[in-house]
Amino acid sequence: MEQAELRRRARLAIESHKIPNWHPHQLWGVHGVGGPCAICGLPVNQNELEYEVQFSREANPKGRVSGDDHFQVFHVHIHCFSAWDLERTV
């Protein structure tokens, strides 16, 4: 996917509140497990790397929560994360 399309999808994800637009609390690089990317919606396959991104729930208490109730957890492709990081600071 081209960078312009990734950035467009990142903007839409931010505007529709699919993913927050502030700096994450924690960030891990791991192999994908086949789940959908929070930004582009495509699966992050096992042969790809993803970021598991955690946001503190206090900043957005109505956000999507996975696992620990104190954090929102999102899975994103590495290149989608880069586009999101650019768009969140614009």
PDB file of N, CA and C in Angstrom:
ATOM      1  N   MET A   1       0.848  -1.172   0.000  1.00  0.00           N
ATOM      2  CA  MET A   1       0.000   0.000   0.000  1.00  0.00           C
ATOM      3  C   MET A   1       0.898   1.241   0.000  1.00  0.00           C
ATOM      4  N   GLU A   2       0.530   2.229  -0.770  1.00  0.00           N
ATOM      5  CA  GLU A   2       1.339   3.442  -0.872  1.00  0.00           C
ATOM      6  C   GLU A   2       1.213   4.294   0.390  1.00  0.00           C
ATOM      7  N   GLN A   3       2.228   5.102   0.641  1.00  0.00           N
ATOM      8  CA  GLN A   3       2.285   5.938   1.841  1.00  0.00           C
ATOM      9  C   GLN A   3       1.089   6.891   1.936  1.00  0.00           C
ATOM     10  N   ALA A   4       0.682   7.470   0.816  1.00  0.00           N
ATOM     11  CA  ALA A   4      -0.461   8.404   0.844  1.00  0.00           C
ATOM     12  C   ALA A   4      -1.731   7.688   1.305  1.00  0.00           C
ATOM     13  N   GLU A   5      -1.940   6.460   0.846  1.00  0.00           N
ATOM     14  CA  GLU A   5      -3.121   5.694   1.256  1.00  0.00           C
ATOM     15  C   GLU A   5      -3.022   5.295   2.723  1.00  0.00           C
ATOM     16  N   LEU A   6      -1.840   4.916   3.175  1.00  0.00           N
ATOM     17  CA  LEU A   6      -1.652   4.586   4.592  1.00  0.00           C
ATOM     18  C   LEU A   6      -1.968   5.791   5.479  1.00  0.00           C
ATOM     19  N   ARG A   7      -1.494   6.954   5.078  1.00  0.00           N
ATOM     20  CA  ARG A   7      -1.754   8.166   5.861  1.00  0.00           C
ATOM     21  C   ARG A   7      -3.231   8.524   5.857  1.00  0.00           C
ATOM     22  N   ARG A   8      -3.907   8.314   4.725  1.00  0.00           N
ATOM     23  CA  ARG A   8      -5.352   8.565   4.650  1.00  0.00           C
ATOM     24  C   ARG A   8      -6.095   7.640   5.613  1.00  0.00           C
ATOM     25  N   ARG A   9      -5.723   6.373   5.612  1.00  0.00           N
ATOM     26  CA  ARG A   9      -6.367   5.416   6.521  1.00  0.00           C
ATOM     27  C   ARG A   9      -6.054   5.735   7.984  1.00  0.00           C
ATOM     28  N   ALA A  10      -4.843   6.187   8.240  1.00  0.00           N
ATOM     29  CA  ALA A  10      -4.478   6.573   9.610  1.00  0.00           C
ATOM     30  C   ALA A  10      -5.313   7.765  10.064  1.00  0.00           C
ATOM     31  N   ARG A  11      -5.492   8.756   9.190  1.00  0.00           N
ATOM     32  CA  ARG A  11      -6.335   9.919   9.512  1.00  0.00           C
ATOM     33  C   ARG A  11      -7.768   9.481   9.818  1.00  0.00           C
ATOM     34  N   LEU A  12      -8.302   8.597   8.989  1.00  0.00           N
ATOM     35  CA  LEU A  12      -9.664   8.104   9.202  1.00  0.00           C
ATOM     36  C   LEU A  12      -9.783   7.348  10.522  1.00  0.00           C
ATOM     37  N   ALA A  13      -8.775   6.535  10.849  1.00  0.00           N
ATOM     38  CA  ALA A  13      -8.794   5.786  12.112  1.00  0.00           C
ATOM     39  C   ALA A  13      -8.773   6.735  13.304  1.00  0.00           C
ATOM     40  N   ILE A  14      -8.008   7.799  13.197  1.00  0.00           N
ATOM     41  CA  ILE A  14      -7.947   8.798  14.281  1.00  0.00           C
ATOM     42  C   ILE A  14      -9.278   9.553  14.379  1.00  0.00           C
ATOM     43  N   GLU A  15      -9.775  10.031  13.236  1.00  0.00           N
ATOM     44  CA  GLU A  15     -11.016  10.824  13.221  1.00  0.00           C
ATOM     45  C   GLU A  15     -12.228  10.022  13.685  1.00  0.00           C
ATOM     46  N   SER A  16     -12.237   8.715  13.408  1.00  0.00           N
ATOM     47  CA  SER A  16     -13.373   7.873  13.799  1.00  0.00           C
ATOM     48  C   SER A  16     -13.159   7.231  15.170  1.00  0.00           C
ATOM     49  N   HIS A  17     -12.094   7.627  15.845  1.00  0.00           N
ATOM     50  CA  HIS A  17     -11.769   7.165  17.199  1.00  0.00           C
ATOM     51  C   HIS A  17     -11.520   5.655  17.271  1.00  0.00           C
ATOM     52  N   LYS A  18     -11.036   5.074  16.173  1.00  0.00           N
ATOM     53  CA  LYS A  18     -10.648   3.661  16.193  1.00  0.00           C
ATOM     54  C   LYS A  18      -9.359   3.471  16.967  1.00  0.00           C
ATOM     55  N   ILE A  19      -8.539   4.519  16.961  1.00  0.00           N
ATOM     56  CA  ILE A  19      -7.269   4.493  17.683  1.00  0.00           C
ATOM     57  C   ILE A  19      -6.996   5.914  18.181  1.00  0.00           C
ATOM     58  N   PRO A  20      -6.477   6.058  19.394  1.00  0.00           N
ATOM     59  CA  PRO A  20      -6.206   7.405  19.917  1.00  0.00           C
ATOM     60  C   PRO A  20      -5.144   8.143  19.098  1.00  0.00           C
ATOM     61  N   ASN A  21      -5.041   9.443  19.329  1.00  0.00           N
ATOM     62  CA  ASN A  21      -4.045  10.247  18.613  1.00  0.00           C
ATOM     63  C   ASN A  21      -2.981  10.803  19.547  1.00  0.00           C
ATOM     64  N   TRP A  22      -2.770  10.164  20.695  1.00  0.00           N
ATOM     65  CA  TRP A  22      -1.720  10.607  21.606  1.00  0.00           C
ATOM     66  C   TRP A  22      -0.648   9.534  21.721  1.00  0.00           C
ATOM     67  N   HIS A  23       0.463   9.912  22.329  1.00  0.00           N
ATOM     68  CA  HIS A  23       1.611   9.020  22.463  1.00  0.00           C
ATOM     69  C   HIS A  23       1.225   7.784  23.284  1.00  0.00           C
ATOM     70  N   PRO A  24       1.580   6.578  22.816  1.00  0.00           N
ATOM     71  CA  PRO A  24       1.218   5.364  23.548  1.00  0.00           C
ATOM     72  C   PRO A  24       1.981   5.217  24.860  1.00  0.00           C
ATOM     73  N   HIS A  25       1.365   4.494  25.784  1.00  0.00           N
ATOM     74  CA  HIS A  25       1.980   4.188  27.075  1.00  0.00           C
ATOM     75  C   HIS A  25       3.086   3.143  26.905  1.00  0.00           C
ATOM     76  N   GLN A  26       2.817   2.101  26.126  1.00  0.00           N
ATOM     77  CA  GLN A  26       3.774   1.018  25.863  1.00  0.00           C
ATOM     78  C   GLN A  26       3.706   0.640  24.394  1.00  0.00           C
ATOM     79  N   LEU A  27       4.811   0.085  23.894  1.00  0.00           N
ATOM     80  CA  LEU A  27       4.890  -0.330  22.499  1.00  0.00           C
ATOM     81  C   LEU A  27       5.805  -1.535  22.412  1.00  0.00           C
ATOM     82  N   TRP A  28       5.317  -2.614  21.802  1.00  0.00           N
ATOM     83  CA  TRP A  28       6.135  -3.815  21.619  1.00  0.00           C
ATOM     84  C   TRP A  28       6.108  -4.221  20.163  1.00  0.00           C
ATOM     85  N   GLY A  29       7.237  -4.673  19.667  1.00  0.00           N
ATOM     86  CA  GLY A  29       7.323  -5.252  18.336  1.00  0.00           C
ATOM     87  C   GLY A  29       7.250  -6.767  18.459  1.00  0.00           C
ATOM     88  N   VAL A  30       6.284  -7.382  17.788  1.00  0.00           N
ATOM     89  CA  VAL A  30       6.092  -8.829  17.854  1.00  0.00           C
ATOM     90  C   VAL A  30       5.670  -9.340  16.477  1.00  0.00           C
ATOM     91  N   HIS A  31       5.680 -10.660  16.308  1.00  0.00           N
ATOM     92  CA  HIS A  31       5.153 -11.256  15.081  1.00  0.00           C
ATOM     93  C   HIS A  31       3.632 -11.205  15.126  1.00  0.00           C
ATOM     94  N   GLY A  32       3.014 -10.975  13.984  1.00  0.00           N
ATOM     95  CA  GLY A  32       1.565 -10.910  13.897  1.00  0.00           C
ATOM     96  C   GLY A  32       0.919 -12.240  14.245  1.00  0.00           C
ATOM     97  N   VAL A  33      -0.345 -12.168  14.616  1.00  0.00           N
ATOM     98  CA  VAL A  33      -1.107 -13.375  14.954  1.00  0.00           C
ATOM     99  C   VAL A  33      -2.320 -13.533  14.036  1.00  0.00           C
ATOM    100  N   GLY A  34      -2.394 -12.723  12.988  1.00  0.00           N
ATOM    101  CA  GLY A  34      -3.489 -12.834  12.034  1.00  0.00           C
ATOM    102  C   GLY A  34      -4.664 -11.918  12.313  1.00  0.00           C
ATOM    103  N   GLY A  35      -4.595 -11.157  13.397  1.00  0.00           N
ATOM    104  CA  GLY A  35      -5.671 -10.227  13.726  1.00  0.00           C
ATOM    105  C   GLY A  35      -5.625  -8.996  12.842  1.00  0.00           C
ATOM    106  N   PRO A  36      -6.727  -8.221  12.804  1.00  0.00           N
ATOM    107  CA  PRO A  36      -6.764  -7.036  11.945  1.00  0.00           C
ATOM    108  C   PRO A  36      -5.940  -5.877  12.512  1.00  0.00           C
ATOM    109  N   CYS A  37      -5.320  -5.150  11.615  1.00  0.00           N
ATOM    110  CA  CYS A  37      -4.596  -3.928  11.972  1.00  0.00           C
ATOM    111  C   CYS A  37      -5.630  -2.860  12.311  1.00  0.00           C
ATOM    112  N   ALA A  38      -5.408  -2.128  13.405  1.00  0.00           N
ATOM    113  CA  ALA A  38      -6.341  -1.082  13.838  1.00  0.00           C
ATOM    114  C   ALA A  38      -6.388   0.089  12.868  1.00  0.00           C
ATOM    115  N   ILE A  39      -5.429   0.166  11.971  1.00  0.00           N
ATOM    116  CA  ILE A  39      -5.378   1.305  11.053  1.00  0.00           C
ATOM    117  C   ILE A  39      -5.882   0.951   9.657  1.00  0.00           C
ATOM    118  N   CYS A  40      -5.334  -0.104   9.061  1.00  0.00           N
ATOM    119  CA  CYS A  40      -5.745  -0.440   7.690  1.00  0.00           C
ATOM    120  C   CYS A  40      -6.819  -1.516   7.639  1.00  0.00           C
ATOM    121  N   GLY A  41      -7.008  -2.265   8.727  1.00  0.00           N
ATOM    122  CA  GLY A  41      -8.028  -3.303   8.768  1.00  0.00           C
ATOM    123  C   GLY A  41      -7.611  -4.639   8.198  1.00  0.00           C
ATOM    124  N   LEU A  42      -6.458  -4.689   7.541  1.00  0.00           N
ATOM    125  CA  LEU A  42      -5.967  -5.950   6.980  1.00  0.00           C
ATOM    126  C   LEU A  42      -5.315  -6.787   8.067  1.00  0.00           C
ATOM    127  N   PRO A  43      -5.308  -8.116   7.913  1.00  0.00           N
ATOM    128  CA  PRO A  43      -4.681  -8.952   8.935  1.00  0.00           C
ATOM    129  C   PRO A  43      -3.172  -8.731   8.995  1.00  0.00           C
ATOM    130  N   VAL A  44      -2.621  -8.852  10.203  1.00  0.00           N
ATOM    131  CA  VAL A  44      -1.172  -8.833  10.391  1.00  0.00           C
ATOM    132  C   VAL A  44      -0.768 -10.301  10.513  1.00  0.00           C
ATOM    133  N   ASN A  45      -0.230 -10.845   9.453  1.00  0.00           N
ATOM    134  CA  ASN A  45       0.069 -12.268   9.386  1.00  0.00           C
ATOM    135  C   ASN A  45       1.296 -12.648  10.203  1.00  0.00           C
ATOM    136  N   GLN A  46       1.457 -13.934  10.450  1.00  0.00           N
ATOM    137  CA  GLN A  46       2.562 -14.432  11.267  1.00  0.00           C
ATOM    138  C   GLN A  46       3.926 -14.154  10.654  1.00  0.00           C
ATOM    139  N   ASN A  47       3.997 -14.007   9.338  1.00  0.00           N
ATOM    140  CA  ASN A  47       5.272 -13.705   8.693  1.00  0.00           C
ATOM    141  C   ASN A  47       5.576 -12.207   8.650  1.00  0.00           C
ATOM    142  N   GLU A  48       4.718 -11.388   9.292  1.00  0.00           N
ATOM    143  CA  GLU A  48       4.906  -9.937   9.360  1.00  0.00           C
ATOM    144  C   GLU A  48       5.148  -9.522  10.808  1.00  0.00           C
ATOM    145  N   LEU A  49       5.801  -8.385  10.956  1.00  0.00           N
ATOM    146  CA  LEU A  49       5.957  -7.814  12.287  1.00  0.00           C
ATOM    147  C   LEU A  49       4.853  -6.798  12.527  1.00  0.00           C
ATOM    148  N   GLU A  50       4.452  -6.690  13.773  1.00  0.00           N
ATOM    149  CA  GLU A  50       3.452  -5.707  14.158  1.00  0.00           C
ATOM    150  C   GLU A  50       3.915  -5.013  15.422  1.00  0.00           C
ATOM    151  N   TYR A  51       3.297  -3.880  15.674  1.00  0.00           N
ATOM    152  CA  TYR A  51       3.436  -3.253  16.981  1.00  0.00           C
ATOM    153  C   TYR A  51       2.172  -3.563  17.772  1.00  0.00           C
ATOM    154  N   GLU A  52       2.358  -4.001  19.003  1.00  0.00           N
ATOM    155  CA  GLU A  52       1.256  -4.063  19.950  1.00  0.00           C
ATOM    156  C   GLU A  52       1.361  -2.763  20.729  1.00  0.00           C
ATOM    157  N   VAL A  53       0.357  -1.914  20.593  1.00  0.00           N
ATOM    158  CA  VAL A  53       0.384  -0.564  21.137  1.00  0.00           C
ATOM    159  C   VAL A  53      -0.614  -0.480  22.286  1.00  0.00           C
ATOM    160  N   GLN A  54      -0.157  -0.010  23.439  1.00  0.00           N
ATOM    161  CA  GLN A  54      -1.032   0.158  24.599  1.00  0.00           C
ATOM    162  C   GLN A  54      -1.154   1.630  24.952  1.00  0.00           C
ATOM    163  N   PHE A  55      -2.397   2.040  25.178  1.00  0.00           N
ATOM    164  CA  PHE A  55      -2.684   3.394  25.623  1.00  0.00           C
ATOM    165  C   PHE A  55      -3.291   3.325  27.010  1.00  0.00           C
ATOM    166  N   SER A  56      -2.874   4.226  27.875  1.00  0.00           N
ATOM    167  CA  SER A  56      -3.454   4.308  29.203  1.00  0.00           C
ATOM    168  C   SER A  56      -4.925   4.656  29.075  1.00  0.00           C
ATOM    169  N   ARG A  57      -5.753   3.922  29.775  1.00  0.00           N
ATOM    170  CA  ARG A  57      -7.197   4.126  29.689  1.00  0.00           C
ATOM    171  C   ARG A  57      -7.651   5.440  30.294  1.00  0.00           C
ATOM    172  N   GLU A  58      -6.900   5.988  31.212  1.00  0.00           N
ATOM    173  CA  GLU A  58      -7.305   7.247  31.844  1.00  0.00           C
ATOM    174  C   GLU A  58      -7.442   8.374  30.834  1.00  0.00           C
ATOM    175  N   ALA A  59      -6.675   8.330  29.760  1.00  0.00           N
ATOM    176  CA  ALA A  59      -6.733   9.390  28.757  1.00  0.00           C
ATOM    177  C   ALA A  59      -7.999   9.300  27.913  1.00  0.00           C
ATOM    178  N   ASN A  60      -8.591   8.106  27.811  1.00  0.00           N
ATOM    179  CA  ASN A  60      -9.790   7.923  27.003  1.00  0.00           C
ATOM    180  C   ASN A  60     -10.617   6.786  27.597  1.00  0.00           C
ATOM    181  N   PRO A  61     -11.363   7.025  28.668  1.00  0.00           N
ATOM    182  CA  PRO A  61     -12.047   5.948  29.376  1.00  0.00           C
ATOM    183  C   PRO A  61     -13.107   5.217  28.567  1.00  0.00           C
ATOM    184  N   LYS A  62     -13.556   5.782  27.446  1.00  0.00           N
ATOM    185  CA  LYS A  62     -14.574   5.102  26.639  1.00  0.00           C
ATOM    186  C   LYS A  62     -13.950   4.262  25.530  1.00  0.00           C
ATOM    187  N   GLY A  63     -12.638   4.151  25.501  1.00  0.00           N
ATOM    188  CA  GLY A  63     -11.951   3.437  24.432  1.00  0.00           C
ATOM    189  C   GLY A  63     -12.088   1.933  24.520  1.00  0.00           C
ATOM    190  N   ARG A  64     -11.693   1.293  23.468  1.00  0.00           N
ATOM    191  CA  ARG A  64     -11.702  -0.157  23.379  1.00  0.00           C
ATOM    192  C   ARG A  64     -10.672  -0.726  24.335  1.00  0.00           C
ATOM    193  N   VAL A  65     -11.011  -1.759  25.063  1.00  0.00           N
ATOM    194  CA  VAL A  65     -10.097  -2.324  26.054  1.00  0.00           C
ATOM    195  C   VAL A  65      -9.911  -3.801  25.791  1.00  0.00           C
ATOM    196  N   SER A  66      -8.676  -4.250  25.888  1.00  0.00           N
ATOM    197  CA  SER A  66      -8.341  -5.660  25.760  1.00  0.00           C
ATOM    198  C   SER A  66      -7.463  -6.034  26.929  1.00  0.00           C
ATOM    199  N   GLY A  67      -7.649  -7.198  27.492  1.00  0.00           N
ATOM    200  CA  GLY A  67      -6.780  -7.637  28.582  1.00  0.00           C
ATOM    201  C   GLY A  67      -6.968  -6.802  29.825  1.00  0.00           C
ATOM    202  N   ASP A  68      -5.895  -6.233  30.292  1.00  0.00           N
ATOM    203  CA  ASP A  68      -5.906  -5.419  31.499  1.00  0.00           C
ATOM    204  C   ASP A  68      -6.851  -4.231  31.318  1.00  0.00           C
ATOM    205  N   ASP A  69      -7.759  -4.047  32.268  1.00  0.00           N
ATOM    206  CA  ASP A  69      -8.746  -2.969  32.166  1.00  0.00           C
ATOM    207  C   ASP A  69      -8.159  -1.570  32.207  1.00  0.00           C
ATOM    208  N   HIS A  70      -6.891  -1.443  32.518  1.00  0.00           N
ATOM    209  CA  HIS A  70      -6.261  -0.124  32.602  1.00  0.00           C
ATOM    210  C   HIS A  70      -5.711   0.360  31.263  1.00  0.00           C
ATOM    211  N   PHE A  71      -5.686  -0.515  30.264  1.00  0.00           N
ATOM    212  CA  PHE A  71      -5.080  -0.162  28.982  1.00  0.00           C
ATOM    213  C   PHE A  71      -5.968  -0.534  27.809  1.00  0.00           C
ATOM    214  N   GLN A  72      -5.865   0.253  26.753  1.00  0.00           N
ATOM    215  CA  GLN A  72      -6.439  -0.076  25.447  1.00  0.00           C
ATOM    216  C   GLN A  72      -5.310  -0.707  24.653  1.00  0.00           C
ATOM    217  N   VAL A  73      -5.556  -1.804  23.997  1.00  0.00           N
ATOM    218  CA  VAL A  73      -4.514  -2.506  23.250  1.00  0.00           C
ATOM    219  C   VAL A  73      -4.899  -2.554  21.780  1.00  0.00           C
ATOM    220  N   PHE A  74      -3.950  -2.189  20.913  1.00  0.00           N
ATOM    221  CA  PHE A  74      -4.167  -2.197  19.468  1.00  0.00           C
ATOM    222  C   PHE A  74      -3.011  -2.931  18.806  1.00  0.00           C
ATOM    223  N   HIS A  75      -3.305  -3.605  17.708  1.00  0.00           N
ATOM    224  CA  HIS A  75      -2.290  -4.294  16.913  1.00  0.00           C
ATOM    225  C   HIS A  75      -2.234  -3.599  15.566  1.00  0.00           C
ATOM    226  N   VAL A  76      -1.032  -3.203  15.141  1.00  0.00           N
ATOM    227  CA  VAL A  76      -0.883  -2.474  13.883  1.00  0.00           C
ATOM    228  C   VAL A  76       0.372  -2.924  13.147  1.00  0.00           C
ATOM    229  N   HIS A  77       0.289  -2.905  11.818  1.00  0.00           N
ATOM    230  CA  HIS A  77       1.483  -3.146  11.000  1.00  0.00           C
ATOM    231  C   HIS A  77       2.518  -2.069  11.325  1.00  0.00           C
ATOM    232  N   ILE A  78       3.771  -2.401  11.169  1.00  0.00           N
ATOM    233  CA  ILE A  78       4.856  -1.438  11.410  1.00  0.00           C
ATOM    234  C   ILE A  78       4.681  -0.205  10.513  1.00  0.00           C
ATOM    235  N   HIS A  79       4.420  -0.427   9.217  1.00  0.00           N
ATOM    236  CA  HIS A  79       4.283   0.711   8.293  1.00  0.00           C
ATOM    237  C   HIS A  79       3.002   1.514   8.577  1.00  0.00           C
ATOM    238  N   CYS A  80       1.961   0.875   9.063  1.00  0.00           N
ATOM    239  CA  CYS A  80       0.739   1.604   9.437  1.00  0.00           C
ATOM    240  C   CYS A  80       0.993   2.463  10.674  1.00  0.00           C
ATOM    241  N   PHE A  81       1.783   1.935  11.612  1.00  0.00           N
ATOM    242  CA  PHE A  81       2.131   2.714  12.798  1.00  0.00           C
ATOM    243  C   PHE A  81       2.883   3.978  12.401  1.00  0.00           C
ATOM    244  N   SER A  82       3.805   3.859  11.463  1.00  0.00           N
ATOM    245  CA  SER A  82       4.569   5.030  11.006  1.00  0.00           C
ATOM    246  C   SER A  82       3.640   6.091  10.414  1.00  0.00           C
ATOM    247  N   ALA A  83       2.675   5.648   9.606  1.00  0.00           N
ATOM    248  CA  ALA A  83       1.712   6.595   9.023  1.00  0.00           C
ATOM    249  C   ALA A  83       0.865   7.232  10.118  1.00  0.00           C
ATOM    250  N   TRP A  84       0.418   6.432  11.086  1.00  0.00           N
ATOM    251  CA  TRP A  84      -0.372   6.953  12.211  1.00  0.00           C
ATOM    252  C   TRP A  84       0.434   7.975  12.999  1.00  0.00           C
ATOM    253  N   ASP A  85       1.704   7.673  13.264  1.00  0.00           N
ATOM    254  CA  ASP A  85       2.547   8.575  14.036  1.00  0.00           C
ATOM    255  C   ASP A  85       2.716   9.916  13.325  1.00  0.00           C
ATOM    256  N   LEU A  86       2.840   9.896  12.013  1.00  0.00           N
ATOM    257  CA  LEU A  86       2.923  11.147  11.249  1.00  0.00           C
ATOM    258  C   LEU A  86       1.607  11.920  11.314  1.00  0.00           C
ATOM    259  N   GLU A  87       0.492  11.228  11.131  1.00  0.00           N
ATOM    260  CA  GLU A  87      -0.813  11.893  11.090  1.00  0.00           C
ATOM    261  C   GLU A  87      -1.240  12.425  12.464  1.00  0.00           C
ATOM    262  N   ARG A  88      -0.881  11.758  13.526  1.00  0.00           N
ATOM    263  CA  ARG A  88      -1.310  12.211  14.851  1.00  0.00           C
ATOM    264  C   ARG A  88      -0.620  13.494  15.275  1.00  0.00           C
ATOM    265  N   THR A  89       0.499  13.805  14.650  1.00  0.00           N
ATOM    266  CA  THR A  89       1.263  15.003  15.016  1.00  0.00           C
ATOM    267  C   THR A  89       1.030  16.168  14.046  1.00  0.00           C
ATOM    268  N   VAL A  90       0.211  15.942  13.020  1.00  0.00           N
ATOM    269  CA  VAL A  90      -0.050  16.999  12.031  1.00  0.00           C
ATOM    270  C   VAL A  90      -1.045  17.989  12.575  1.00  0.00           C
TER     271      VAL A  90
END
